[in-house]
C-alpha atoms as a PDB file:
ATOM      1  CA  UNK A   1     -25.047  -6.332  15.857  1.00  0.00           C
ATOM      2  CA  UNK A   2     -28.678  -5.233  15.744  1.00  0.00           C
ATOM      3  CA  UNK A   3     -30.844  -6.539  12.933  1.00  0.00           C
ATOM      4  CA  UNK A   4     -32.932  -4.112  10.943  1.00  0.00           C
ATOM      5  CA  UNK A   5     -35.733  -4.775   8.555  1.00  0.00           C
ATOM      6  CA  UNK A   6     -34.812  -4.155   4.930  1.00  0.00           C
ATOM      7  CA  UNK A   7     -37.128  -4.240   1.985  1.00  0.00           C
ATOM      8  CA  UNK A   8     -36.154  -5.057  -1.579  1.00  0.00           C
ATOM      9  CA  UNK A   9     -37.600  -6.870  -4.555  1.00  0.00           C
ATOM     10  CA  UNK A  10     -36.447 -10.194  -5.933  1.00  0.00           C
ATOM     11  CA  UNK A  11     -37.417 -11.798  -9.199  1.00  0.00           C
ATOM     12  CA  UNK A  12     -39.761 -14.767  -8.919  1.00  0.00           C
ATOM     13  CA  UNK A  13     -36.932 -17.048 -10.039  1.00  0.00           C
ATOM     14  CA  UNK A  14     -34.506 -15.693  -7.426  1.00  0.00           C
ATOM     15  CA  UNK A  15     -37.137 -15.942  -4.689  1.00  0.00           C
ATOM     16  CA  UNK A  16     -37.979 -19.529  -5.691  1.00  0.00           C
ATOM     17  CA  UNK A  17     -34.337 -20.611  -5.811  1.00  0.00           C
ATOM     18  CA  UNK A  18     -33.588 -18.921  -2.496  1.00  0.00           C
ATOM     19  CA  UNK A  19     -36.555 -20.638  -0.832  1.00  0.00           C
ATOM     20  CA  UNK A  20     -35.647 -24.037  -2.265  1.00  0.00           C
ATOM     21  CA  UNK A  21     -32.047 -23.751  -1.139  1.00  0.00           C
ATOM     22  CA  UNK A  22     -32.995 -22.529   2.337  1.00  0.00           C
ATOM     23  CA  UNK A  23     -35.332 -25.490   2.720  1.00  0.00           C
ATOM     24  CA  UNK A  24     -32.627 -27.916   1.529  1.00  0.00           C
ATOM     25  CA  UNK A  25     -30.143 -26.406   3.998  1.00  0.00           C
ATOM     26  CA  UNK A  26     -32.682 -26.370   6.828  1.00  0.00           C
ATOM     27  CA  UNK A  27     -32.343 -22.633   7.452  1.00  0.00           C
ATOM     28  CA  UNK A  28     -34.598 -19.636   7.082  1.00  0.00           C
ATOM     29  CA  UNK A  29     -34.594 -17.662   3.856  1.00  0.00           C
ATOM     30  CA  UNK A  30     -33.342 -14.647   5.823  1.00  0.00           C
ATOM     31  CA  UNK A  31     -30.416 -16.608   7.320  1.00  0.00           C
ATOM     32  CA  UNK A  32     -29.426 -17.947   3.907  1.00  0.00           C
ATOM     33  CA  UNK A  33     -29.724 -14.537   2.273  1.00  0.00           C
ATOM     34  CA  UNK A  34     -27.581 -12.948   4.983  1.00  0.00           C
ATOM     35  CA  UNK A  35     -24.911 -15.642   4.594  1.00  0.00           C
ATOM     36  CA  UNK A  36     -24.882 -15.229   0.813  1.00  0.00           C
ATOM     37  CA  UNK A  37     -24.544 -11.461   1.101  1.00  0.00           C
ATOM     38  CA  UNK A  38     -21.701 -11.587   3.620  1.00  0.00           C
ATOM     39  CA  UNK A  39     -19.824 -14.327   1.760  1.00  0.00           C
ATOM     40  CA  UNK A  40     -20.450 -12.642  -1.579  1.00  0.00           C
ATOM     41  CA  UNK A  41     -19.014  -9.352  -0.367  1.00  0.00           C
ATOM     42  CA  UNK A  42     -16.011 -11.179   1.093  1.00  0.00           C
ATOM     43  CA  UNK A  43     -15.326 -12.905  -2.219  1.00  0.00           C
ATOM     44  CA  UNK A  44     -15.632  -9.592  -4.067  1.00  0.00           C
ATOM     45  CA  UNK A  45     -13.304  -7.888  -1.581  1.00  0.00           C
ATOM     46  CA  UNK A  46     -10.809 -10.782  -1.623  1.00  0.00           C
ATOM     47  CA  UNK A  47     -10.541 -12.353  -5.098  1.00  0.00           C
ATOM     48  CA  UNK A  48      -9.323 -15.921  -4.743  1.00  0.00           C
ATOM     49  CA  UNK A  49     -11.266 -16.558  -1.527  1.00  0.00           C
ATOM     50  CA  UNK A  50     -14.146 -19.027  -1.562  1.00  0.00           C
ATOM     51  CA  UNK A  51     -16.312 -20.484   1.179  1.00  0.00           C
ATOM     52  CA  UNK A  52     -16.564 -24.198   1.935  1.00  0.00           C
ATOM     53  CA  UNK A  53     -18.495 -26.364   4.298  1.00  0.00           C
ATOM     54  CA  UNK A  54     -22.040 -27.038   5.207  1.00  0.00           C
ATOM     55  CA  UNK A  55     -24.471 -24.710   6.946  1.00  0.00           C
ATOM     56  CA  UNK A  56     -23.027 -23.718  10.287  1.00  0.00           C
ATOM     57  CA  UNK A  57     -19.480 -24.854   9.472  1.00  0.00           C
ATOM     58  CA  UNK A  58     -18.692 -22.436   6.638  1.00  0.00           C
ATOM     59  CA  UNK A  59     -15.074 -21.376   6.374  1.00  0.00           C
ATOM     60  CA  UNK A  60     -13.000 -19.187   4.089  1.00  0.00           C
ATOM     61  CA  UNK A  61     -10.473 -20.919   1.853  1.00  0.00           C
ATOM     62  CA  UNK A  62      -8.232 -20.275  -1.086  1.00  0.00           C
ATOM     63  CA  UNK A  63      -9.843 -21.344  -4.354  1.00  0.00           C
ATOM     64  CA  UNK A  64      -8.201 -24.671  -5.132  1.00  0.00           C
ATOM     65  CA  UNK A  65      -6.195 -24.507  -1.918  1.00  0.00           C
ATOM     66  CA  UNK A  66      -6.352 -24.874   1.849  1.00  0.00           C
ATOM     67  CA  UNK A  67      -8.557 -23.048   4.304  1.00  0.00           C
ATOM     68  CA  UNK A  68      -7.380 -19.570   5.289  1.00  0.00           C
ATOM     69  CA  UNK A  69      -6.918 -20.612   8.901  1.00  0.00           C
ATOM     70  CA  UNK A  70      -4.565 -23.409   7.807  1.00  0.00           C
ATOM     71  CA  UNK A  71      -2.376 -20.939   5.901  1.00  0.00           C
ATOM     72  CA  UNK A  72      -2.245 -18.579   8.876  1.00  0.00           C
ATOM     73  CA  UNK A  73      -1.550 -21.395  11.340  1.00  0.00           C
ATOM     74  CA  UNK A  74       1.416 -22.553   9.269  1.00  0.00           C
ATOM     75  CA  UNK A  75       2.726 -18.998   8.828  1.00  0.00           C
ATOM     76  CA  UNK A  76       2.647 -18.607  12.615  1.00  0.00           C
ATOM     77  CA  UNK A  77       4.855 -21.706  12.965  1.00  0.00           C
ATOM     78  CA  UNK A  78       7.521 -20.311  10.626  1.00  0.00           C
ATOM     79  CA  UNK A  79      10.170 -17.779  11.600  1.00  0.00           C
ATOM     80  CA  UNK A  80      11.277 -14.529  10.017  1.00  0.00           C
ATOM     81  CA  UNK A  81       9.460 -11.450   8.880  1.00  0.00           C
ATOM     82  CA  UNK A  82       6.246 -11.627   6.859  1.00  0.00           C
ATOM     83  CA  UNK A  83       7.935 -11.947   3.463  1.00  0.00           C
ATOM     84  CA  UNK A  84      10.374 -14.592   4.711  1.00  0.00           C
ATOM     85  CA  UNK A  85       7.486 -16.645   6.071  1.00  0.00           C
ATOM     86  CA  UNK A  86       5.521 -16.256   2.831  1.00  0.00           C
ATOM     87  CA  UNK A  87       8.551 -17.357   0.804  1.00  0.00           C
ATOM     88  CA  UNK A  88       9.125 -20.340   3.099  1.00  0.00           C
ATOM     89  CA  UNK A  89       5.495 -21.454   2.893  1.00  0.00           C
ATOM     90  CA  UNK A  90       5.459 -21.065  -0.884  1.00  0.00           C
ATOM     91  CA  UNK A  91       8.607 -23.201  -1.010  1.00  0.00           C
ATOM     92  CA  UNK A  92       7.060 -26.039   0.947  1.00  0.00           C
ATOM     93  CA  UNK A  93       3.663 -26.018  -0.790  1.00  0.00           C
ATOM     94  CA  UNK A  94       2.146 -25.527  -4.221  1.00  0.00           C
ATOM     95  CA  UNK A  95       0.847 -22.125  -3.134  1.00  0.00           C
ATOM     96  CA  UNK A  96       1.960 -19.029  -4.993  1.00  0.00           C
ATOM     97  CA  UNK A  97       3.071 -16.159  -2.724  1.00  0.00           C
ATOM     98  CA  UNK A  98       0.125 -14.141  -4.105  1.00  0.00           C
ATOM     99  CA  UNK A  99      -2.290 -16.788  -2.773  1.00  0.00           C
ATOM    100  CA  UNK A 100      -0.630 -16.725   0.630  1.00  0.00           C
ATOM    101  CA  UNK A 101      -0.913 -12.939   0.726  1.00  0.00           C
ATOM    102  CA  UNK A 102      -4.589 -13.229  -0.233  1.00  0.00           C
ATOM    103  CA  UNK A 103      -5.188 -15.579   2.706  1.00  0.00           C
ATOM    104  CA  UNK A 104      -3.216 -13.326   5.030  1.00  0.00           C
ATOM    105  CA  UNK A 105      -5.106 -10.214   3.924  1.00  0.00           C
ATOM    106  CA  UNK A 106      -8.445 -11.970   4.439  1.00  0.00           C
ATOM    107  CA  UNK A 107      -7.310 -13.119   7.893  1.00  0.00           C
ATOM    108  CA  UNK A 108      -6.274  -9.583   8.802  1.00  0.00           C
ATOM    109  CA  UNK A 109      -9.817  -8.403   7.995  1.00  0.00           C
ATOM    110  CA  UNK A 110     -11.432 -11.330   9.866  1.00  0.00           C
ATOM    111  CA  UNK A 111      -9.075 -12.136  12.761  1.00  0.00           C
ATOM    112  CA  UNK A 112     -11.677 -13.454  15.211  1.00  0.00           C
ATOM    113  CA  UNK A 113     -12.982 -15.999  12.692  1.00  0.00           C
ATOM    114  CA  UNK A 114      -9.477 -17.214  11.804  1.00  0.00           C
ATOM    115  CA  UNK A 115      -8.239 -17.367  15.415  1.00  0.00           C
ATOM    116  CA  UNK A 116     -11.338 -19.334  16.446  1.00  0.00           C
ATOM    117  CA  UNK A 117     -10.626 -21.928  13.724  1.00  0.00           C
ATOM    118  CA  UNK A 118      -6.988 -22.216  14.774  1.00  0.00           C
ATOM    119  CA  UNK A 119      -7.981 -22.662  18.427  1.00  0.00           C
ATOM    120  CA  UNK A 120     -10.550 -25.337  17.523  1.00  0.00           C
ATOM    121  CA  UNK A 121      -7.919 -27.226  15.574  1.00  0.00           C
ATOM    122  CA  UNK A 122      -5.421 -26.984  18.435  1.00  0.00           C
ATOM    123  CA  UNK A 123      -8.073 -28.315  20.851  1.00  0.00           C
ATOM    124  CA  UNK A 124      -8.825 -31.223  18.510  1.00  0.00           C
ATOM    125  CA  UNK A 125      -5.126 -32.088  18.331  1.00  0.00           C
ATOM    126  CA  UNK A 126      -4.838 -31.984  22.128  1.00  0.00           C
ATOM    127  CA  UNK A 127      -7.916 -34.196  22.543  1.00  0.00           C
ATOM    128  CA  UNK A 128      -6.587 -36.612  19.911  1.00  0.00           C
ATOM    129  CA  UNK A 129      -3.255 -36.906  21.735  1.00  0.00           C
ATOM    130  CA  UNK A 130      -5.048 -37.458  25.034  1.00  0.00           C
ATOM    131  CA  UNK A 131      -7.175 -40.215  23.496  1.00  0.00           C
ATOM    132  CA  UNK A 132      -4.068 -41.855  21.983  1.00  0.00           C
ATOM    133  CA  UNK A 133      -2.363 -41.813  25.393  1.00  0.00           C
ATOM    134  CA  UNK A 134      -5.407 -43.390  26.991  1.00  0.00           C
ATOM    135  CA  UNK A 135      -5.421 -46.154  24.338  1.00  0.00           C
ATOM    136  CA  UNK A 136      -1.710 -46.811  24.909  1.00  0.00           C
ATOM    137  CA  UNK A 137      -2.297 -46.955  28.683  1.00  0.00           C
ATOM    138  CA  UNK A 138      -5.040 -49.536  28.181  1.00  0.00           C
ATOM    139  CA  UNK A 139      -2.699 -51.728  26.176  1.00  0.00           C
ATOM    140  CA  UNK A 140       0.259 -51.443  28.569  1.00  0.00           C
END
């Protein structure tokens, strides 16, 4: 996506706070502002979604619940149609079906982000299993 220059005015307080936070996070003011805008719009569009994590590892999550990718990954493991899977997941967790639908709706709007998280987790599991096998082989 091409970047375009945009001009707008910020109060002195907003500018100061933005600069201080960008410095603390080790990012440019522009990068922080862009992240805040994108995440802010997402949270307005999807009430109940928050963002967690530091700097480059930000991820969407349910407020007071798991990350969106975790909800989707578990739904993919269950069988049945969408409502049956939602009911099953609600039955095995403290999540209300409305929260699960919120996560699913967010994921439907941001599939690449969610799939990338799921793939990273699957790779980490595979690498962890491989390391465990190597440890067992050393002790055999």
